Structure formats: structure tokens, C-alpha cells
C-alpha atoms as a PDB file:
ATOM      1  CA  MET A   1      24.374 -25.015  29.028  1.00  0.00           C
ATOM      2  CA  ARG A   2      21.505 -23.434  27.129  1.00  0.00           C
ATOM      3  CA  ARG A   3      21.422 -23.773  23.360  1.00  0.00           C
ATOM      4  CA  LYS A   4      22.547 -20.718  21.409  1.00  0.00           C
ATOM      5  CA  THR A   5      20.493 -19.262  18.568  1.00  0.00           C
ATOM      6  CA  ASP A   6      21.590 -17.073  15.650  1.00  0.00           C
ATOM      7  CA  ALA A   7      20.650 -13.490  16.505  1.00  0.00           C
ATOM      8  CA  THR A   8      20.682 -12.440  12.865  1.00  0.00           C
ATOM      9  CA  TYR A   9      17.311 -14.085  12.165  1.00  0.00           C
ATOM     10  CA  SER A  10      14.464 -11.693  12.969  1.00  0.00           C
ATOM     11  CA  SER A  11      10.837 -12.580  13.652  1.00  0.00           C
ATOM     12  CA  VAL A  12       9.929 -10.892  10.349  1.00  0.00           C
ATOM     13  CA  ASP A  13      12.246 -13.280   8.489  1.00  0.00           C
ATOM     14  CA  ASN A  14      10.621 -16.291  10.152  1.00  0.00           C
ATOM     15  CA  ILE A  15       7.107 -15.067   9.434  1.00  0.00           C
ATOM     16  CA  LYS A  16       8.035 -14.224   5.847  1.00  0.00           C
ATOM     17  CA  ASN A  17       9.310 -17.754   5.233  1.00  0.00           C
ATOM     18  CA  LYS A  18       6.192 -19.267   6.769  1.00  0.00           C
ATOM     19  CA  ILE A  19       3.878 -17.166   4.616  1.00  0.00           C
ATOM     20  CA  LYS A  20       5.814 -17.952   1.446  1.00  0.00           C
ATOM     21  CA  ASN A  21       5.659 -21.678   2.241  1.00  0.00           C
ATOM     22  CA  MET A  22       1.925 -21.359   2.831  1.00  0.00           C
ATOM     23  CA  ASN A  23       1.516 -19.598  -0.537  1.00  0.00           C
ATOM     24  CA  LYS A  24       3.251 -22.485  -2.306  1.00  0.00           C
ATOM     25  CA  ASP A  25       0.751 -24.948  -0.860  1.00  0.00           C
ATOM     26  CA  MET A  26      -2.242 -22.860  -1.924  1.00  0.00           C
ATOM     27  CA  THR A  27      -3.923 -22.741  -5.281  1.00  0.00           C
ATOM     28  CA  PRO A  28      -3.168 -19.529  -7.231  1.00  0.00           C
ATOM     29  CA  ASN A  29      -6.549 -18.043  -6.392  1.00  0.00           C
ATOM     30  CA  GLU A  30      -6.210 -18.735  -2.666  1.00  0.00           C
ATOM     31  CA  ALA A  31      -2.716 -17.312  -2.532  1.00  0.00           C
ATOM     32  CA  THR A  32      -3.463 -13.974  -4.140  1.00  0.00           C
ATOM     33  CA  LYS A  33      -7.163 -13.174  -4.149  1.00  0.00           C
ATOM     34  CA  ALA A  34      -8.911 -11.400  -1.314  1.00  0.00           C
ATOM     35  CA  PRO A  35     -12.079 -13.036   0.077  1.00  0.00           C
ATOM     36  CA  SER A  36     -14.518 -11.384  -2.338  1.00  0.00           C
ATOM     37  CA  THR A  37     -14.714 -12.203  -6.041  1.00  0.00           C
ATOM     38  CA  GLY A  38     -13.827  -9.866  -8.888  1.00  0.00           C
ATOM     39  CA  GLY A  39     -14.908  -9.838 -12.490  1.00  0.00           C
ATOM     40  CA  ALA A  40     -13.369 -12.000 -15.191  1.00  0.00           C
ATOM     41  CA  GLY A  41     -13.097 -11.942 -18.955  1.00  0.00           C
ATOM     42  CA  GLY A  42     -12.356  -8.423 -20.270  1.00  0.00           C
ATOM     43  CA  LYS A  43     -10.074  -5.802 -18.778  1.00  0.00           C
ATOM     44  CA  LEU A  44     -11.154  -4.291 -15.469  1.00  0.00           C
ATOM     45  CA  GLU A  45      -9.629  -1.877 -13.016  1.00  0.00           C
ATOM     46  CA  TYR A  46      -7.760  -3.781 -10.295  1.00  0.00           C
ATOM     47  CA  THR A  47      -6.015  -2.553  -7.174  1.00  0.00           C
ATOM     48  CA  LEU A  48      -3.099  -4.704  -6.019  1.00  0.00           C
ATOM     49  CA  THR A  49      -2.203  -4.516  -2.334  1.00  0.00           C
ATOM     50  CA  VAL A  50       1.355  -5.607  -1.614  1.00  0.00           C
ATOM     51  CA  TYR A  51       2.750  -6.183   1.882  1.00  0.00           C
ATOM     52  CA  ALA A  52       6.544  -6.075   1.863  1.00  0.00           C
ATOM     53  CA  GLU A  53       9.653  -5.062   3.741  1.00  0.00           C
ATOM     54  CA  ASN A  54      10.733  -1.547   2.800  1.00  0.00           C
ATOM     55  CA  GLN A  55      14.041  -2.360   1.095  1.00  0.00           C
ATOM     56  CA  VAL A  56      16.026  -0.327  -1.419  1.00  0.00           C
ATOM     57  CA  GLY A  57      15.448  -1.533  -4.988  1.00  0.00           C
ATOM     58  CA  LEU A  58      12.154  -3.373  -4.384  1.00  0.00           C
ATOM     59  CA  LEU A  59      10.026  -0.697  -6.040  1.00  0.00           C
ATOM     60  CA  THR A  60      12.277  -0.765  -9.116  1.00  0.00           C
ATOM     61  CA  ARG A  61      11.977  -4.553  -9.409  1.00  0.00           C
ATOM     62  CA  ILE A  62       8.195  -4.399  -9.063  1.00  0.00           C
ATOM     63  CA  ALA A  63       8.033  -1.715 -11.765  1.00  0.00           C
ATOM     64  CA  ILE A  64      10.133  -3.909 -14.071  1.00  0.00           C
ATOM     65  CA  ILE A  65       7.600  -6.754 -13.687  1.00  0.00           C
ATOM     66  CA  PHE A  66       4.942  -4.451 -15.167  1.00  0.00           C
ATOM     67  CA  SER A  67       7.124  -2.837 -17.828  1.00  0.00           C
ATOM     68  CA  ARG A  68       8.282  -6.205 -19.209  1.00  0.00           C
ATOM     69  CA  ARG A  69       4.637  -7.053 -19.858  1.00  0.00           C
ATOM     70  CA  LYS A  70       3.981  -3.558 -21.273  1.00  0.00           C
ATOM     71  CA  ILE A  71       1.393  -2.870 -18.564  1.00  0.00           C
ATOM     72  CA  ASN A  72       0.857   0.752 -17.588  1.00  0.00           C
ATOM     73  CA  ILE A  73       0.544   1.571 -13.880  1.00  0.00           C
ATOM     74  CA  ASP A  74      -2.295   4.068 -13.415  1.00  0.00           C
ATOM     75  CA  SER A  75      -1.503   4.783  -9.766  1.00  0.00           C
ATOM     76  CA  LEU A  76       1.114   3.679  -7.240  1.00  0.00           C
ATOM     77  CA  ASN A  77       1.274   4.508  -3.546  1.00  0.00           C
ATOM     78  CA  THR A  78       3.523   3.196  -0.802  1.00  0.00           C
ATOM     79  CA  SER A  79       3.174   3.830   2.911  1.00  0.00           C
ATOM     80  CA  PRO A  80       3.750   2.195   6.304  1.00  0.00           C
ATOM     81  CA  SER A  81       1.188  -0.465   7.187  1.00  0.00           C
ATOM     82  CA  GLU A  82      -0.393  -1.531  10.459  1.00  0.00           C
ATOM     83  CA  ILE A  83       2.614  -3.833  10.995  1.00  0.00           C
ATOM     84  CA  ASP A  84       5.846  -2.341  12.302  1.00  0.00           C
ATOM     85  CA  GLY A  85       8.604  -2.662   9.695  1.00  0.00           C
ATOM     86  CA  ILE A  86       6.220  -3.695   6.885  1.00  0.00           C
ATOM     87  CA  HIS A  87       5.145  -1.320   4.101  1.00  0.00           C
ATOM     88  CA  ARG A  88       2.019  -1.462   1.983  1.00  0.00           C
ATOM     89  CA  PHE A  89       1.890  -0.793  -1.760  1.00  0.00           C
ATOM     90  CA  ASN A  90      -1.328   0.093  -3.625  1.00  0.00           C
ATOM     91  CA  ILE A  91      -0.962  -0.395  -7.392  1.00  0.00           C
ATOM     92  CA  VAL A  92      -3.797   0.353  -9.823  1.00  0.00           C
ATOM     93  CA  ILE A  93      -3.898  -1.160 -13.337  1.00  0.00           C
ATOM     94  CA  ASP A  94      -6.441  -2.027 -16.043  1.00  0.00           C
ATOM     95  CA  GLU A  95      -6.084  -5.686 -17.015  1.00  0.00           C
ATOM     96  CA  THR A  96      -7.821  -9.053 -17.181  1.00  0.00           C
ATOM     97  CA  GLU A  97      -8.059 -11.085 -13.993  1.00  0.00           C
ATOM     98  CA  GLU A  98      -5.836 -13.792 -15.481  1.00  0.00           C
ATOM     99  CA  VAL A  99      -3.035 -11.314 -16.143  1.00  0.00           C
ATOM    100  CA  VAL A 100      -3.447  -9.718 -12.705  1.00  0.00           C
ATOM    101  CA  LYS A 101      -3.258 -13.143 -11.098  1.00  0.00           C
ATOM    102  CA  LYS A 102       0.057 -13.847 -12.859  1.00  0.00           C
ATOM    103  CA  LEU A 103       1.409 -10.449 -11.824  1.00  0.00           C
ATOM    104  CA  ALA A 104       0.502 -11.116  -8.198  1.00  0.00           C
ATOM    105  CA  ARG A 105       2.327 -14.466  -8.305  1.00  0.00           C
ATOM    106  CA  GLN A 106       5.396 -12.833  -9.839  1.00  0.00           C
ATOM    107  CA  ILE A 107       5.493 -10.044  -7.261  1.00  0.00           C
ATOM    108  CA  GLU A 108       5.172 -12.582  -4.440  1.00  0.00           C
ATOM    109  CA  LYS A 109       8.380 -14.223  -5.675  1.00  0.00           C
ATOM    110  CA  GLN A 110      10.357 -11.165  -4.596  1.00  0.00           C
ATOM    111  CA  VAL A 111      12.304 -11.933  -1.440  1.00  0.00           C
ATOM    112  CA  GLU A 112      11.002  -8.924   0.494  1.00  0.00           C
ATOM    113  CA  VAL A 113       7.329  -9.468  -0.382  1.00  0.00           C
ATOM    114  CA  LEU A 114       5.097 -11.171   2.178  1.00  0.00           C
ATOM    115  CA  LYS A 115       1.705 -11.141   0.481  1.00  0.00           C
ATOM    116  CA  VAL A 116      -0.168  -9.750  -2.541  1.00  0.00           C
ATOM    117  CA  TYR A 117      -3.931  -9.247  -2.891  1.00  0.00           C
ATOM    118  CA  TYR A 118      -5.871  -7.946  -5.909  1.00  0.00           C
ATOM    119  CA  ASN A 119      -9.369  -6.460  -5.902  1.00  0.00           C
ATOM    120  CA  THR A 120     -11.916  -4.680  -8.065  1.00  0.00           C
ATOM    121  CA  PRO A 121     -13.182  -1.207  -6.988  1.00  0.00           C
ATOM    122  CA  GLU A 122     -16.334  -2.764  -5.504  1.00  0.00           C
ATOM    123  CA  GLU A 123     -14.226  -4.776  -3.061  1.00  0.00           C
ATOM    124  CA  ILE A 124     -12.272  -1.874  -1.583  1.00  0.00           C
ATOM    125  CA  VAL A 125     -12.755   1.501   0.066  1.00  0.00           C
ATOM    126  CA  TRP A 126     -10.496   3.950  -1.739  1.00  0.00           C
ATOM    127  CA  GLN A 127      -9.747   7.646  -1.927  1.00  0.00           C
ATOM    128  CA  GLU A 128      -7.525  10.108  -3.763  1.00  0.00           C
ATOM    129  CA  LEU A 129      -6.467  13.571  -2.611  1.00  0.00           C
ATOM    130  CA  ALA A 130      -6.255  16.557  -4.961  1.00  0.00           C
ATOM    131  CA  LEU A 131      -4.996  20.139  -4.644  1.00  0.00           C
ATOM    132  CA  TYR A 132      -6.176  23.071  -6.783  1.00  0.00           C
ATOM    133  CA  LYS A 133      -4.430  26.445  -7.034  1.00  0.00           C
ATOM    134  CA  VAL A 134      -6.770  29.266  -8.110  1.00  0.00           C
ATOM    135  CA  PRO A 135      -6.334  33.067  -8.306  1.00  0.00           C
ATOM    136  CA  THR A 136      -7.720  34.516  -5.086  1.00  0.00           C
ATOM    137  CA  GLN A 137      -9.180  37.554  -6.826  1.00  0.00           C
ATOM    138  CA  GLN A 138     -11.229  35.366  -9.165  1.00  0.00           C
ATOM    139  CA  VAL A 139     -12.882  33.216  -6.485  1.00  0.00           C
ATOM    140  CA  ALA A 140     -13.252  36.106  -4.026  1.00  0.00           C
ATOM    141  CA  GLU A 141     -14.901  38.474  -6.464  1.00  0.00           C
ATOM    142  CA  LYS A 142     -17.416  35.922  -7.699  1.00  0.00           C
ATOM    143  CA  MET A 143     -18.222  34.635  -4.203  1.00  0.00           C
ATOM    144  CA  VAL A 144     -17.755  31.002  -5.190  1.00  0.00           C
ATOM    145  CA  VAL A 145     -15.688  29.778  -2.233  1.00  0.00           C
ATOM    146  CA  GLU A 146     -18.592  29.009   0.085  1.00  0.00           C
ATOM    147  CA  ARG A 147     -20.565  27.277  -2.661  1.00  0.00           C
ATOM    148  CA  ILE A 148     -17.609  25.079  -3.651  1.00  0.00           C
ATOM    149  CA  LEU A 149     -16.889  24.138  -0.054  1.00  0.00           C
ATOM    150  CA  ARG A 150     -20.512  23.197   0.544  1.00  0.00           C
ATOM    151  CA  GLN A 151     -21.320  21.501  -2.782  1.00  0.00           C
ATOM    152  CA  TYR A 152     -18.105  19.551  -3.391  1.00  0.00           C
ATOM    153  CA  GLY A 153     -16.818  18.983   0.140  1.00  0.00           C
ATOM    154  CA  ALA A 154     -13.575  20.818  -0.610  1.00  0.00           C
ATOM    155  CA  ARG A 155     -11.652  22.801   1.988  1.00  0.00           C
ATOM    156  CA  VAL A 156      -9.307  25.765   1.861  1.00  0.00           C
ATOM    157  CA  VAL A 157      -5.674  24.920   2.672  1.00  0.00           C
ATOM    158  CA  VAL A 158      -3.911  28.235   1.944  1.00  0.00           C
ATOM    159  CA  ILE A 159      -5.176  31.743   1.225  1.00  0.00           C
ATOM    160  CA  ARG A 160      -2.794  34.401  -0.132  1.00  0.00           C
ATOM    161  CA  ASN A 161      -3.321  37.657  -1.934  1.00  0.00           C
ATOM    162  CA  ASP A 162      -2.366  36.123  -5.276  1.00  0.00           C
ATOM    163  CA  TYR A 163      -3.764  32.600  -4.971  1.00  0.00           C
ATOM    164  CA  THR A 164      -5.892  30.198  -2.906  1.00  0.00           C
ATOM    165  CA  ILE A 165      -5.300  26.438  -2.623  1.00  0.00           C
ATOM    166  CA  PHE A 166      -8.240  24.088  -2.223  1.00  0.00           C
ATOM    167  CA  GLU A 167      -8.082  20.440  -1.159  1.00  0.00           C
ATOM    168  CA  SER A 168     -10.544  17.721  -2.146  1.00  0.00           C
ATOM    169  CA  THR A 169     -10.669  14.044  -1.239  1.00  0.00           C
ATOM    170  CA  GLY A 170     -12.741  11.465  -3.077  1.00  0.00           C
ATOM    171  CA  HIS A 171     -12.968   9.224  -6.122  1.00  0.00           C
ATOM    172  CA  ARG A 172     -11.396  10.091  -9.475  1.00  0.00           C
ATOM    173  CA  GLU A 173     -14.617  11.422 -11.015  1.00  0.00           C
ATOM    174  CA  GLU A 174     -15.156  13.708  -8.011  1.00  0.00           C
ATOM    175  CA  THR A 175     -11.710  15.278  -8.159  1.00  0.00           C
ATOM    176  CA  GLU A 176     -11.912  15.622 -11.938  1.00  0.00           C
ATOM    177  CA  LYS A 177     -15.254  17.409 -11.654  1.00  0.00           C
ATOM    178  CA  LEU A 178     -13.553  20.139  -9.625  1.00  0.00           C
ATOM    179  CA  ILE A 179     -11.003  20.629 -12.415  1.00  0.00           C
ATOM    180  CA  GLU A 180     -13.897  21.761 -14.603  1.00  0.00           C
ATOM    181  CA  VAL A 181     -15.300  23.961 -11.841  1.00  0.00           C
ATOM    182  CA  PHE A 182     -11.997  25.703 -11.022  1.00  0.00           C
ATOM    183  CA  GLY A 183     -11.130  25.926 -14.709  1.00  0.00           C
ATOM    184  CA  LYS A 184     -13.819  28.607 -15.009  1.00  0.00           C
ATOM    185  CA  TYR A 185     -11.955  30.717 -12.444  1.00  0.00           C
ATOM    186  CA  GLY A 186      -8.447  30.509 -13.900  1.00  0.00           C
ATOM    187  CA  LEU A 187      -7.080  27.258 -12.449  1.00  0.00           C
ATOM    188  CA  ILE A 188      -3.305  27.745 -12.083  1.00  0.00           C
ATOM    189  CA  GLU A 189      -2.174  24.303 -10.918  1.00  0.00           C
ATOM    190  CA  PHE A 190      -3.661  20.887 -10.190  1.00  0.00           C
ATOM    191  CA  VAL A 191      -2.109  17.803  -8.626  1.00  0.00           C
ATOM    192  CA  ARG A 192      -3.645  14.517  -7.499  1.00  0.00           C
ATOM    193  CA  SER A 193      -2.216  11.848  -5.221  1.00  0.00           C
ATOM    194  CA  ALA A 194      -2.054   8.132  -5.892  1.00  0.00           C
ATOM    195  CA  ARG A 195      -4.877   5.908  -4.674  1.00  0.00           C
ATOM    196  CA  ILE A 196      -4.961   4.640  -1.113  1.00  0.00           C
ATOM    197  CA  ALA A 197      -7.232   1.661  -0.502  1.00  0.00           C
ATOM    198  CA  ILE A 198      -8.429  -0.708   2.212  1.00  0.00           C
ATOM    199  CA  ILE A 199      -9.965  -4.104   1.422  1.00  0.00           C
ATOM    200  CA  LYS A 200     -13.543  -4.275   2.706  1.00  0.00           C
ATOM    201  CA  ASP A 201     -13.612  -7.930   3.757  1.00  0.00           C
ATOM    202  CA  SER A 202     -10.053  -8.065   5.120  1.00  0.00           C
ATOM    203  CA  GLU A 203      -9.489  -8.546   8.850  1.00  0.00           C
ATOM    204  CA  GLY A 204      -6.034  -7.012   8.557  1.00  0.00           C
ATOM    205  CA  PHE A 205      -2.774  -8.660   7.601  1.00  0.00           C
ATOM    206  CA  HIS A 206      -1.433  -8.230  11.138  1.00  0.00           C
ATOM    207  CA  LYS A 207      -3.967 -10.843  12.294  1.00  0.00           C
ATOM    208  CA  LYS A 208      -2.363 -13.447  10.017  1.00  0.00           C
ATOM    209  CA  ILE A 209       1.084 -12.596  11.309  1.00  0.00           C
ATOM    210  CA  LYS A 210      -0.090 -12.917  14.910  1.00  0.00           C
ATOM    211  CA  ALA A 211      -1.592 -16.300  14.037  1.00  0.00           C
ATOM    212  CA  PHE A 212       1.749 -17.470  12.615  1.00  0.00           C
ATOM    213  CA  GLU A 213       3.590 -16.242  15.694  1.00  0.00           C
ATOM    214  CA  ALA A 214       1.141 -18.104  17.928  1.00  0.00           C
ATOM    215  CA  LEU A 215       1.700 -21.353  16.007  1.00  0.00           C
ATOM    216  CA  GLU A 216       5.479 -21.074  16.054  1.00  0.00           C
ATOM    217  CA  PRO A 217       6.727 -18.261  18.309  1.00  0.00           C
ATOM    218  CA  HIS A 218      10.063 -16.691  17.488  1.00  0.00           C
ATOM    219  CA  GLU A 219      12.767 -18.120  19.724  1.00  0.00           C
ATOM    220  CA  GLU A 220      14.658 -15.434  21.624  1.00  0.00           C
ATOM    221  CA  THR A 221      18.408 -15.379  21.556  1.00  0.00           C
ATOM    222  CA  ALA A 222      19.846 -17.249  24.538  1.00  0.00           C
ATOM    223  CA  GLU A 223      22.497 -15.412  26.515  1.00  0.00           C
ATOM    224  CA  ASN A 224      25.717 -17.142  27.448  1.00  0.00           C
ATOM    225  CA  GLU A 225      25.195 -18.078  31.092  1.00  0.00           C
ATOM    226  CA  TYR A 226      28.973 -18.067  31.703  1.00  0.00           C
ATOM    227  CA  LEU A 227      29.527 -14.595  30.196  1.00  0.00           C
ATOM    228  CA  ASN A 228      30.133 -12.915  33.555  1.00  0.00           C
ATOM    229  CA  GLU A 229      32.024 -15.838  35.039  1.00  0.00           C
ATOM    230  CA  HIS A 230      34.950 -16.014  32.603  1.00  0.00           C
ATOM    231  CA  GLU A 231      37.498 -15.883  35.418  1.00  0.00           C
ATOM    232  CA  LYS A 232      36.032 -18.981  37.052  1.00  0.00           C
ATOM    233  CA  VAL A 233      35.649 -20.840  33.762  1.00  0.00           C
ATOM    234  CA  PHE A 234      39.070 -20.137  32.307  1.00  0.00           C
ATOM    235  CA  SER A 235      41.226 -19.899  35.466  1.00  0.00           C
ATOM    236  CA  MET A 236      43.551 -22.825  36.064  1.00  0.00           C
END
């Protein structure tokens, strides 16, 4: 008779345990730092990339880690990642590398978290999206729409008789520059998204997971070979 396995253990659980065990064997820098090297000494802007299962309460616990240390989060974004069932958090803070390193270790202790990386702006490709609501009459009368679209790479999302909404994607200084520009034409509303970022030198976290699966593949649940033969097995 084939050996039975517990169906409640998923491949994600197995991989998560393997990665956490690997992190324990690494030095702090190996376990949390992406391949390239950031600055040290004074406070710098760092982007933390967290791979985790999307479970209720995780975001609150991560926020508590920062609030207990009185660290302000400048930007926080969460979205699905390239791995099915795994979400990706991008958290932006201004701190020293030593403090960021400790934060990364602490976040990795959360049960749902698989891996945490931290990087300086030079080590990532990042963007923010912004929307600007401007009176249509103002921008139409002064013929500024075409110039703004061409000069700042913005695009028109909605045009109504009373207002027009522009969209711009770029770095913080680029989106803030447009606040000044639209401010001259009666800017009604402005909103900016959190940062989304990709690590330049990363080959993708899914590659590590595939490597773990190749080393120790998840064992499929064995079916009971006598399931459809109960009459033969239990008949007297």
C-alpha cells in the first residue's frame, strides 16, 4: 500500500519553510540585501521589497514594526507578484542602512513572509502615477494641453465640460513639477500613487522558488488504492 501524505501542506508552505531555514544560515547582509550595494552611514531613501502570502492582518503587523520604532513610511504599495499566490510589497522609508537591515530581519520573522530585500534608488527601476484635475475652460482657452502632453509626457484621461483629468507617470520630482504647472490653471485635485519598483540586478524571485522545488519537489498526495474496492476489502 502506498504511503499517505497530509494534503493540508501546500507547496508554498514547503518552499516558505525552506527559504526561512536558508535565511537563518545566511549572514544578515546575505539574507536581506539585493546583489548591489547601497550607501551606509547617514539616512538614505530605501525601498523594501517584501514577498509574502496575502493574509489578513499581515499589513497591520508590518506597519506596527515601523510604528514601534517611530519610522514614517513614505510610500507603501502591495500587488500580486510574478508568483501565483504570493504578493509583493514595496515600502519606502528614509533611514540608515543599519536600521533598514534590522527592519528587514524583523519583517522576515512574520510567518507569511518569504523574503525581504532593501535597495537604494540607484538599484531599482521605479515609477509613481499621478492624476491632476484641472478646469477644462482654463486649459482649453490658453491652449496649453498640447504643450503639456508633449513637454511632460502626460496624457488626457477624461475630458468634460467642467474639468479635464491628466495622468502622468514618472519619478517624484517629475510629478511634483506638474503640480506647479497645473497650479497656474486652477488645479482642482491632485493624487499620487505609491511607488512601484523592480530591482535592477534581480533575476526574479520565482527563479529561486523553482530552484527550491527542483532540489526537493513537493510530494503529491497519494490516493487510497483501495478506495473503489471497499466491498472486496471489507466483505467477509
